Amino acid sequence: EADIGIVFSGLRPGEKLYEELLADADDTLPTAVPRLRVARLSRPVPADTALDALLALADAGASDAAEVRAALSRAVPEFQGAAVADPVQVPR
C-alpha cells in the first residue's frame, strides 16, 4: 500500500477552528471512563415536528424569510437570526 500524502493548506474561508457542541445553559456529567463526559441538556431536544416544519418550508420553496426564521426559532430557541437582504437559495 502506498502512503497518501498530506498537504497542509491552511485555513479556508469559513472554516471552523472549533465546534461548540453544547449551549451555554447545558452541562456535562462525568462517566466511569476518564475524559469522557455525557451531555446534560438544559431542555429536551425538540420533537421531529420542528424539523419537519422546516423541511416542509424548504420543500415548498418558502420565500417568506420571517416565516422561515420563526420556524427555525421554534426548533432552536437559541437562534437569533438577523435580517437578510438577499436570501440564499440552497438546493436540497
PDB file of N, CA and C in Angstrom:
ATOM      1  N   GLU A   1       0.839  -1.186   0.000  1.00  0.00           N
ATOM      2  CA  GLU A   1       0.000   0.000   0.000  1.00  0.00           C
ATOM      3  C   GLU A   1       0.878   1.241   0.000  1.00  0.00           C
ATOM      4  N   ALA A   2       0.498   2.167  -0.835  1.00  0.00           N
ATOM      5  CA  ALA A   2       1.228   3.432  -0.888  1.00  0.00           C
ATOM      6  C   ALA A   2       0.646   4.400   0.134  1.00  0.00           C
ATOM      7  N   ASP A   3       1.519   5.188   0.714  1.00  0.00           N
ATOM      8  CA  ASP A   3       1.052   6.210   1.653  1.00  0.00           C
ATOM      9  C   ASP A   3       0.373   7.326   0.881  1.00  0.00           C
ATOM     10  N   ILE A   4      -0.619   7.916   1.512  1.00  0.00           N
ATOM     11  CA  ILE A   4      -1.312   9.066   0.931  1.00  0.00           C
ATOM     12  C   ILE A   4      -0.662  10.315   1.495  1.00  0.00           C
ATOM     13  N   GLY A   5      -0.262  11.209   0.590  1.00  0.00           N
ATOM     14  CA  GLY A   5       0.403  12.423   1.022  1.00  0.00           C
ATOM     15  C   GLY A   5      -0.537  13.366   1.756  1.00  0.00           C
ATOM     16  N   ILE A   6      -0.006  14.075   2.720  1.00  0.00           N
ATOM     17  CA  ILE A   6      -0.775  15.063   3.477  1.00  0.00           C
ATOM     18  C   ILE A   6      -0.282  16.445   3.090  1.00  0.00           C
ATOM     19  N   VAL A   7      -1.197  17.297   2.705  1.00  0.00           N
ATOM     20  CA  VAL A   7      -0.856  18.659   2.333  1.00  0.00           C
ATOM     21  C   VAL A   7      -1.499  19.601   3.336  1.00  0.00           C
ATOM     22  N   PHE A   8      -0.710  20.433   3.983  1.00  0.00           N
ATOM     23  CA  PHE A   8      -1.227  21.426   4.916  1.00  0.00           C
ATOM     24  C   PHE A   8      -1.533  22.682   4.113  1.00  0.00           C
ATOM     25  N   SER A   9      -2.819  22.961   3.963  1.00  0.00           N
ATOM     26  CA  SER A   9      -3.230  24.068   3.090  1.00  0.00           C
ATOM     27  C   SER A   9      -3.614  25.321   3.868  1.00  0.00           C
ATOM     28  N   GLY A  10      -3.606  25.257   5.177  1.00  0.00           N
ATOM     29  CA  GLY A  10      -4.019  26.412   5.969  1.00  0.00           C
ATOM     30  C   GLY A  10      -5.533  26.499   6.048  1.00  0.00           C
ATOM     31  N   LEU A  11      -6.012  27.567   6.661  1.00  0.00           N
ATOM     32  CA  LEU A  11      -7.456  27.751   6.818  1.00  0.00           C
ATOM     33  C   LEU A  11      -8.081  28.178   5.501  1.00  0.00           C
ATOM     34  N   ARG A  12      -9.278  27.729   5.288  1.00  0.00           N
ATOM     35  CA  ARG A  12     -10.050  28.140   4.121  1.00  0.00           C
ATOM     36  C   ARG A  12     -11.168  29.062   4.598  1.00  0.00           C
ATOM     37  N   PRO A  13     -11.685  29.914   3.710  1.00  0.00           N
ATOM     38  CA  PRO A  13     -12.758  30.843   4.119  1.00  0.00           C
ATOM     39  C   PRO A  13     -13.934  30.093   4.748  1.00  0.00           C
ATOM     40  N   GLY A  14     -14.356  30.545   5.916  1.00  0.00           N
ATOM     41  CA  GLY A  14     -15.498  29.954   6.595  1.00  0.00           C
ATOM     42  C   GLY A  14     -15.187  28.713   7.405  1.00  0.00           C
ATOM     43  N   GLU A  15     -13.956  28.243   7.364  1.00  0.00           N
ATOM     44  CA  GLU A  15     -13.599  27.029   8.088  1.00  0.00           C
ATOM     45  C   GLU A  15     -13.583  27.291   9.593  1.00  0.00           C
ATOM     46  N   LYS A  16     -14.139  26.345  10.355  1.00  0.00           N
ATOM     47  CA  LYS A  16     -14.212  26.495  11.807  1.00  0.00           C
ATOM     48  C   LYS A  16     -12.921  26.014  12.458  1.00  0.00           C
ATOM     49  N   LEU A  17     -12.532  26.708  13.506  1.00  0.00           N
ATOM     50  CA  LEU A  17     -11.380  26.279  14.288  1.00  0.00           C
ATOM     51  C   LEU A  17     -11.796  25.323  15.396  1.00  0.00           C
ATOM     52  N   TYR A  18     -13.053  25.415  15.820  1.00  0.00           N
ATOM     53  CA  TYR A  18     -13.568  24.533  16.856  1.00  0.00           C
ATOM     54  C   TYR A  18     -15.078  24.417  16.681  1.00  0.00           C
ATOM     55  N   GLU A  19     -15.667  23.440  17.304  1.00  0.00           N
ATOM     56  CA  GLU A  19     -17.103  23.174  17.213  1.00  0.00           C
ATOM     57  C   GLU A  19     -17.695  23.259  18.603  1.00  0.00           C
ATOM     58  N   GLU A  20     -18.729  24.086  18.761  1.00  0.00           N
ATOM     59  CA  GLU A  20     -19.427  24.157  20.045  1.00  0.00           C
ATOM     60  C   GLU A  20     -20.540  23.112  20.037  1.00  0.00           C
ATOM     61  N   LEU A  21     -20.436  22.159  20.923  1.00  0.00           N
ATOM     62  CA  LEU A  21     -21.394  21.062  20.960  1.00  0.00           C
ATOM     63  C   LEU A  21     -22.495  21.270  21.985  1.00  0.00           C
ATOM     64  N   LEU A  22     -22.291  22.204  22.902  1.00  0.00           N
ATOM     65  CA  LEU A  22     -23.278  22.452  23.947  1.00  0.00           C
ATOM     66  C   LEU A  22     -23.634  23.934  23.964  1.00  0.00           C
ATOM     67  N   ALA A  23     -24.861  24.223  24.331  1.00  0.00           N
ATOM     68  CA  ALA A  23     -25.280  25.605  24.531  1.00  0.00           C
ATOM     69  C   ALA A  23     -24.767  26.061  25.895  1.00  0.00           C
ATOM     70  N   ASP A  24     -24.763  27.362  26.129  1.00  0.00           N
ATOM     71  CA  ASP A  24     -24.269  27.895  27.403  1.00  0.00           C
ATOM     72  C   ASP A  24     -24.991  27.309  28.611  1.00  0.00           C
ATOM     73  N   ALA A  25     -26.281  27.034  28.469  1.00  0.00           N
ATOM     74  CA  ALA A  25     -27.069  26.538  29.599  1.00  0.00           C
ATOM     75  C   ALA A  25     -26.899  25.028  29.820  1.00  0.00           C
ATOM     76  N   ASP A  26     -26.262  24.324  28.882  1.00  0.00           N
ATOM     77  CA  ASP A  26     -26.088  22.884  29.007  1.00  0.00           C
ATOM     78  C   ASP A  26     -24.904  22.565  29.912  1.00  0.00           C
ATOM     79  N   ASP A  27     -24.840  21.319  30.364  1.00  0.00           N
ATOM     80  CA  ASP A  27     -23.799  20.893  31.281  1.00  0.00           C
ATOM     81  C   ASP A  27     -23.345  19.502  30.874  1.00  0.00           C
ATOM     82  N   THR A  28     -22.268  19.011  31.509  1.00  0.00           N
ATOM     83  CA  THR A  28     -21.821  17.643  31.262  1.00  0.00           C
ATOM     84  C   THR A  28     -21.711  16.902  32.588  1.00  0.00           C
ATOM     85  N   LEU A  29     -21.846  15.594  32.500  1.00  0.00           N
ATOM     86  CA  LEU A  29     -21.747  14.727  33.677  1.00  0.00           C
ATOM     87  C   LEU A  29     -20.582  13.766  33.487  1.00  0.00           C
ATOM     88  N   PRO A  30     -19.848  13.466  34.542  1.00  0.00           N
ATOM     89  CA  PRO A  30     -18.728  12.522  34.414  1.00  0.00           C
ATOM     90  C   PRO A  30     -19.232  11.100  34.196  1.00  0.00           C
ATOM     91  N   THR A  31     -18.368  10.272  33.625  1.00  0.00           N
ATOM     92  CA  THR A  31     -18.657   8.847  33.446  1.00  0.00           C
ATOM     93  C   THR A  31     -17.544   8.042  34.104  1.00  0.00           C
ATOM     94  N   ALA A  32     -17.658   6.733  34.046  1.00  0.00           N
ATOM     95  CA  ALA A  32     -16.623   5.863  34.613  1.00  0.00           C
ATOM     96  C   ALA A  32     -15.341   5.910  33.776  1.00  0.00           C
ATOM     97  N   VAL A  33     -15.438   6.392  32.555  1.00  0.00           N
ATOM     98  CA  VAL A  33     -14.268   6.474  31.670  1.00  0.00           C
ATOM     99  C   VAL A  33     -13.634   7.858  31.807  1.00  0.00           C
ATOM    100  N   PRO A  34     -12.368   7.913  32.171  1.00  0.00           N
ATOM    101  CA  PRO A  34     -11.718   9.225  32.296  1.00  0.00           C
ATOM    102  C   PRO A  34     -11.791   9.998  30.975  1.00  0.00           C
ATOM    103  N   ARG A  35     -11.962  11.300  31.068  1.00  0.00           N
ATOM    104  CA  ARG A  35     -12.022  12.228  29.936  1.00  0.00           C
ATOM    105  C   ARG A  35     -13.240  12.015  29.031  1.00  0.00           C
ATOM    106  N   LEU A  36     -14.198  11.195  29.468  1.00  0.00           N
ATOM    107  CA  LEU A  36     -15.441  11.018  28.715  1.00  0.00           C
ATOM    108  C   LEU A  36     -16.581  11.547  29.576  1.00  0.00           C
ATOM    109  N   ARG A  37     -17.351  12.459  29.017  1.00  0.00           N
ATOM    110  CA  ARG A  37     -18.465  13.058  29.752  1.00  0.00           C
ATOM    111  C   ARG A  37     -19.733  12.910  28.921  1.00  0.00           C
ATOM    112  N   VAL A  38     -20.876  12.967  29.570  1.00  0.00           N
ATOM    113  CA  VAL A  38     -22.173  12.856  28.917  1.00  0.00           C
ATOM    114  C   VAL A  38     -22.859  14.219  28.986  1.00  0.00           C
ATOM    115  N   ALA A  39     -23.436  14.648  27.867  1.00  0.00           N
ATOM    116  CA  ALA A  39     -24.121  15.941  27.831  1.00  0.00           C
ATOM    117  C   ALA A  39     -25.428  15.873  28.598  1.00  0.00           C
ATOM    118  N   ARG A  40     -25.687  16.908  29.387  1.00  0.00           N
ATOM    119  CA  ARG A  40     -26.987  17.064  30.053  1.00  0.00           C
ATOM    120  C   ARG A  40     -27.554  18.380  29.530  1.00  0.00           C
ATOM    121  N   LEU A  41     -28.553  18.266  28.666  1.00  0.00           N
ATOM    122  CA  LEU A  41     -29.128  19.439  28.030  1.00  0.00           C
ATOM    123  C   LEU A  41     -30.074  20.156  28.971  1.00  0.00           C
ATOM    124  N   SER A  42     -30.124  21.466  28.849  1.00  0.00           N
ATOM    125  CA  SER A  42     -30.968  22.264  29.731  1.00  0.00           C
ATOM    126  C   SER A  42     -32.449  22.086  29.399  1.00  0.00           C
ATOM    127  N   ARG A  43     -32.724  21.622  28.205  1.00  0.00           N
ATOM    128  CA  ARG A  43     -34.110  21.370  27.802  1.00  0.00           C
ATOM    129  C   ARG A  43     -34.105  20.166  26.870  1.00  0.00           C
ATOM    130  N   PRO A  44     -35.231  19.498  26.729  1.00  0.00           N
ATOM    131  CA  PRO A  44     -35.266  18.338  25.847  1.00  0.00           C
ATOM    132  C   PRO A  44     -35.042  18.747  24.383  1.00  0.00           C
ATOM    133  N   VAL A  45     -34.529  17.816  23.627  1.00  0.00           N
ATOM    134  CA  VAL A  45     -34.353  18.048  22.189  1.00  0.00           C
ATOM    135  C   VAL A  45     -35.733  18.231  21.572  1.00  0.00           C
ATOM    136  N   PRO A  46     -35.899  19.220  20.676  1.00  0.00           N
ATOM    137  CA  PRO A  46     -37.218  19.445  20.090  1.00  0.00           C
ATOM    138  C   PRO A  46     -37.719  18.221  19.327  1.00  0.00           C
ATOM    139  N   ALA A  47     -39.018  18.075  19.311  1.00  0.00           N
ATOM    140  CA  ALA A  47     -39.625  16.955  18.591  1.00  0.00           C
ATOM    141  C   ALA A  47     -39.320  17.082  17.108  1.00  0.00           C
ATOM    142  N   ASP A  48     -39.406  15.979  16.404  1.00  0.00           N
ATOM    143  CA  ASP A  48     -39.152  15.978  14.962  1.00  0.00           C
ATOM    144  C   ASP A  48     -40.092  16.922  14.222  1.00  0.00           C
ATOM    145  N   THR A  49     -41.203  17.295  14.852  1.00  0.00           N
ATOM    146  CA  THR A  49     -42.156  18.173  14.174  1.00  0.00           C
ATOM    147  C   THR A  49     -41.521  19.521  13.852  1.00  0.00           C
ATOM    148  N   ALA A  50     -40.595  19.999  14.684  1.00  0.00           N
ATOM    149  CA  ALA A  50     -39.920  21.266  14.395  1.00  0.00           C
ATOM    150  C   ALA A  50     -39.065  21.128  13.148  1.00  0.00           C
ATOM    151  N   LEU A  51     -38.336  20.031  13.039  1.00  0.00           N
ATOM    152  CA  LEU A  51     -37.531  19.786  11.846  1.00  0.00           C
ATOM    153  C   LEU A  51     -38.435  19.539  10.645  1.00  0.00           C
ATOM    154  N   ASP A  52     -39.515  18.796  10.842  1.00  0.00           N
ATOM    155  CA  ASP A  52     -40.459  18.545   9.752  1.00  0.00           C
ATOM    156  C   ASP A  52     -41.028  19.842   9.198  1.00  0.00           C
ATOM    157  N   ALA A  53     -41.306  20.806  10.073  1.00  0.00           N
ATOM    158  CA  ALA A  53     -41.838  22.092   9.626  1.00  0.00           C
ATOM    159  C   ALA A  53     -40.814  22.832   8.777  1.00  0.00           C
ATOM    160  N   LEU A  54     -39.549  22.800   9.187  1.00  0.00           N
ATOM    161  CA  LEU A  54     -38.502  23.446   8.399  1.00  0.00           C
ATOM    162  C   LEU A  54     -38.328  22.767   7.044  1.00  0.00           C
ATOM    163  N   LEU A  55     -38.356  21.445   7.028  1.00  0.00           N
ATOM    164  CA  LEU A  55     -38.230  20.719   5.764  1.00  0.00           C
ATOM    165  C   LEU A  55     -39.415  20.995   4.839  1.00  0.00           C
ATOM    166  N   ALA A  56     -40.601  21.105   5.414  1.00  0.00           N
ATOM    167  CA  ALA A  56     -41.787  21.412   4.605  1.00  0.00           C
ATOM    168  C   ALA A  56     -41.654  22.798   3.968  1.00  0.00           C
ATOM    169  N   LEU A  57     -41.137  23.760   4.728  1.00  0.00           N
ATOM    170  CA  LEU A  57     -40.920  25.096   4.171  1.00  0.00           C
ATOM    171  C   LEU A  57     -39.895  25.042   3.038  1.00  0.00           C
ATOM    172  N   ALA A  58     -38.845  24.266   3.228  1.00  0.00           N
ATOM    173  CA  ALA A  58     -37.819  24.140   2.188  1.00  0.00           C
ATOM    174  C   ALA A  58     -38.393  23.469   0.943  1.00  0.00           C
ATOM    175  N   ASP A  59     -39.162  22.387   1.143  1.00  0.00           N
ATOM    176  CA  ASP A  59     -39.771  21.681   0.012  1.00  0.00           C
ATOM    177  C   ASP A  59     -40.724  22.578  -0.763  1.00  0.00           C
ATOM    178  N   ALA A  60     -41.419  23.459  -0.037  1.00  0.00           N
ATOM    179  CA  ALA A  60     -42.383  24.352  -0.680  1.00  0.00           C
ATOM    180  C   ALA A  60     -41.695  25.562  -1.316  1.00  0.00           C
ATOM    181  N   GLY A  61     -40.372  25.672  -1.113  1.00  0.00           N
ATOM    182  CA  GLY A  61     -39.659  26.823  -1.662  1.00  0.00           C
ATOM    183  C   GLY A  61     -40.061  28.111  -0.979  1.00  0.00           C
ATOM    184  N   ALA A  62     -40.242  28.050   0.331  1.00  0.00           N
ATOM    185  CA  ALA A  62     -40.703  29.217   1.090  1.00  0.00           C
ATOM    186  C   ALA A  62     -39.838  30.430   0.800  1.00  0.00           C
ATOM    187  N   SER A  63     -40.486  31.531   0.494  1.00  0.00           N
ATOM    188  CA  SER A  63     -39.749  32.763   0.209  1.00  0.00           C
ATOM    189  C   SER A  63     -39.958  33.801   1.300  1.00  0.00           C
ATOM    190  N   ASP A  64     -40.795  33.500   2.279  1.00  0.00           N
ATOM    191  CA  ASP A  64     -41.045  34.430   3.377  1.00  0.00           C
ATOM    192  C   ASP A  64     -39.991  34.210   4.451  1.00  0.00           C
ATOM    193  N   ALA A  65     -38.964  35.068   4.464  1.00  0.00           N
ATOM    194  CA  ALA A  65     -37.850  34.901   5.395  1.00  0.00           C
ATOM    195  C   ALA A  65     -38.322  34.932   6.845  1.00  0.00           C
ATOM    196  N   ALA A  66     -39.302  35.757   7.148  1.00  0.00           N
ATOM    197  CA  ALA A  66     -39.798  35.844   8.527  1.00  0.00           C
ATOM    198  C   ALA A  66     -40.416  34.518   8.954  1.00  0.00           C
ATOM    199  N   GLU A  67     -41.118  33.863   8.051  1.00  0.00           N
ATOM    200  CA  GLU A  67     -41.735  32.571   8.358  1.00  0.00           C
ATOM    201  C   GLU A  67     -40.655  31.517   8.615  1.00  0.00           C
ATOM    202  N   VAL A  68     -39.617  31.527   7.809  1.00  0.00           N
ATOM    203  CA  VAL A  68     -38.530  30.561   7.977  1.00  0.00           C
ATOM    204  C   VAL A  68     -37.796  30.818   9.293  1.00  0.00           C
ATOM    205  N   ARG A  69     -37.514  32.094   9.604  1.00  0.00           N
ATOM    206  CA  ARG A  69     -36.842  32.415  10.862  1.00  0.00           C
ATOM    207  C   ARG A  69     -37.698  32.007  12.059  1.00  0.00           C
ATOM    208  N   ALA A  70     -39.012  32.196  11.956  1.00  0.00           N
ATOM    209  CA  ALA A  70     -39.902  31.812  13.058  1.00  0.00           C
ATOM    210  C   ALA A  70     -39.867  30.299  13.268  1.00  0.00           C
ATOM    211  N   ALA A  71     -39.892  29.538  12.176  1.00  0.00           N
ATOM    212  CA  ALA A  71     -39.836  28.078  12.289  1.00  0.00           C
ATOM    213  C   ALA A  71     -38.497  27.637  12.859  1.00  0.00           C
ATOM    214  N   LEU A  72     -37.421  28.295  12.450  1.00  0.00           N
ATOM    215  CA  LEU A  72     -36.107  27.957  12.971  1.00  0.00           C
ATOM    216  C   LEU A  72     -36.006  28.296  14.454  1.00  0.00           C
ATOM    217  N   SER A  73     -36.599  29.410  14.858  1.00  0.00           N
ATOM    218  CA  SER A  73     -36.595  29.797  16.278  1.00  0.00           C
ATOM    219  C   SER A  73     -37.369  28.804  17.134  1.00  0.00           C
ATOM    220  N   ARG A  74     -38.429  28.231  16.579  1.00  0.00           N
ATOM    221  CA  ARG A  74     -39.179  27.211  17.335  1.00  0.00           C
ATOM    222  C   ARG A  74     -38.335  25.946  17.511  1.00  0.00           C
ATOM    223  N   ALA A  75     -37.549  25.617  16.504  1.00  0.00           N
ATOM    224  CA  ALA A  75     -36.722  24.411  16.575  1.00  0.00           C
ATOM    225  C   ALA A  75     -35.468  24.635  17.420  1.00  0.00           C
ATOM    226  N   VAL A  76     -34.923  25.858  17.360  1.00  0.00           N
ATOM    227  CA  VAL A  76     -33.681  26.181  18.067  1.00  0.00           C
ATOM    228  C   VAL A  76     -33.888  27.495  18.806  1.00  0.00           C
ATOM    229  N   PRO A  77     -34.359  27.455  20.046  1.00  0.00           N
ATOM    230  CA  PRO A  77     -34.670  28.679  20.777  1.00  0.00           C
ATOM    231  C   PRO A  77     -33.497  29.643  20.896  1.00  0.00           C
ATOM    232  N   GLU A  78     -32.260  29.127  20.860  1.00  0.00           N
ATOM    233  CA  GLU A  78     -31.084  29.996  20.956  1.00  0.00           C
ATOM    234  C   GLU A  78     -30.832  30.780  19.669  1.00  0.00           C
ATOM    235  N   PHE A  79     -31.492  30.391  18.569  1.00  0.00           N
ATOM    236  CA  PHE A  79     -31.280  31.041  17.277  1.00  0.00           C
ATOM    237  C   PHE A  79     -31.675  32.509  17.351  1.00  0.00           C
ATOM    238  N   GLN A  80     -30.788  33.366  16.896  1.00  0.00           N
ATOM    239  CA  GLN A  80     -31.068  34.800  16.834  1.00  0.00           C
ATOM    240  C   GLN A  80     -30.755  35.248  15.422  1.00  0.00           C
ATOM    241  N   GLY A  81     -31.664  35.000  14.515  1.00  0.00           N
ATOM    242  CA  GLY A  81     -31.428  35.321  13.118  1.00  0.00           C
ATOM    243  C   GLY A  81     -31.426  36.811  12.860  1.00  0.00           C
ATOM    244  N   ALA A  82     -30.572  37.228  11.956  1.00  0.00           N
ATOM    245  CA  ALA A  82     -30.527  38.622  11.535  1.00  0.00           C
ATOM    246  C   ALA A  82     -31.328  38.765  10.253  1.00  0.00           C
ATOM    247  N   ALA A  83     -31.779  39.966   9.984  1.00  0.00           N
ATOM    248  CA  ALA A  83     -32.489  40.225   8.738  1.00  0.00           C
ATOM    249  C   ALA A  83     -31.543  39.985   7.574  1.00  0.00           C
ATOM    250  N   VAL A  84     -32.040  39.357   6.531  1.00  0.00           N
ATOM    251  CA  VAL A  84     -31.232  39.045   5.360  1.00  0.00           C
ATOM    252  C   VAL A  84     -31.809  39.781   4.175  1.00  0.00           C
ATOM    253  N   ALA A  85     -30.978  40.579   3.518  1.00  0.00           N
ATOM    254  CA  ALA A  85     -31.449  41.366   2.363  1.00  0.00           C
ATOM    255  C   ALA A  85     -31.731  40.462   1.177  1.00  0.00           C
ATOM    256  N   ASP A  86     -30.797  39.605   0.829  1.00  0.00           N
ATOM    257  CA  ASP A  86     -30.937  38.711  -0.314  1.00  0.00           C
ATOM    258  C   ASP A  86     -30.780  37.273   0.150  1.00  0.00           C
ATOM    259  N   PRO A  87     -31.894  36.567   0.408  1.00  0.00           N
ATOM    260  CA  PRO A  87     -31.774  35.187   0.876  1.00  0.00           C
ATOM    261  C   PRO A  87     -31.047  34.330  -0.141  1.00  0.00           C
ATOM    262  N   VAL A  88     -30.245  33.399   0.353  1.00  0.00           N
ATOM    263  CA  VAL A  88     -29.502  32.483  -0.497  1.00  0.00           C
ATOM    264  C   VAL A  88     -30.365  31.266  -0.749  1.00  0.00           C
ATOM    265  N   GLN A  89     -30.472  30.852  -2.003  1.00  0.00           N
ATOM    266  CA  GLN A  89     -31.209  29.640  -2.352  1.00  0.00           C
ATOM    267  C   GLN A  89     -30.280  28.461  -2.212  1.00  0.00           C
ATOM    268  N   VAL A  90     -30.640  27.498  -1.367  1.00  0.00           N
ATOM    269  CA  VAL A  90     -29.816  26.314  -1.143  1.00  0.00           C
ATOM    270  C   VAL A  90     -30.549  25.121  -1.713  1.00  0.00           C
ATOM    271  N   PRO A  91     -29.964  24.445  -2.700  1.00  0.00           N
ATOM    272  CA  PRO A  91     -30.626  23.259  -3.254  1.00  0.00           C
ATOM    273  C   PRO A  91     -30.634  22.124  -2.254  1.00  0.00           C
ATOM    274  N   ARG A  92     -31.685  21.319  -2.274  1.00  0.00           N
ATOM    275  CA  ARG A  92     -31.778  20.159  -1.382  1.00  0.00           C
ATOM    276  C   ARG A  92     -31.408  18.924  -2.113  1.00  0.00           C
TER     277      ARG A  92
END
